[in-house]
Amino acid sequence: MISPILGFHHVAIIASDYERSKQFYTNILGAKILAETYRTSRDSYKLDLSFADGSRIELFSFPNPPMRMTQPEACGLRHLALKVADIKSAVDYLQKNGVICEPIRFDEVEGKYFAFFRDPDDLPLELYEIAE
């Protein structure tokens, strides 16, 4: 039997400071807001974001969410990789917007360049060059 799984639809992130993270993902990373919903019963916002290729992030706020216990090899989602056409210009862009990036590295298995950075809650994000 062939698996019915087509890929992933979204990644969900809980922010400690919703407005700060909203600005980071929209103004710096360029995600488009699809919908923003306040859920009174949960005292929580849900922000649906989309990138140019259709990939999505759900950004949530919750009152007093616990911090991630360990880094970087905690069980669970290790990092979120974002596709870019030109790694150098993407890193330059982030740095000009006050985002600290690790040095660009080379993935010897895939033959691609990548660099890590962090969101406002210190979540690990990666730029991954998809240019051929």
Foldseek 3Di string as FASTA:
>chain_A
DDDPDDDDAAAEEEDADQVQLVCCCCVQVNWDWPDWDQDVVQRKIWTWTADPVNYIYTYMYGPPDDADDDDQPDPDDREAEDEDADAVVSCVSCVVVVWDKDDWDADPVVRWIKIWTAGPSRGIYMYTHPHD
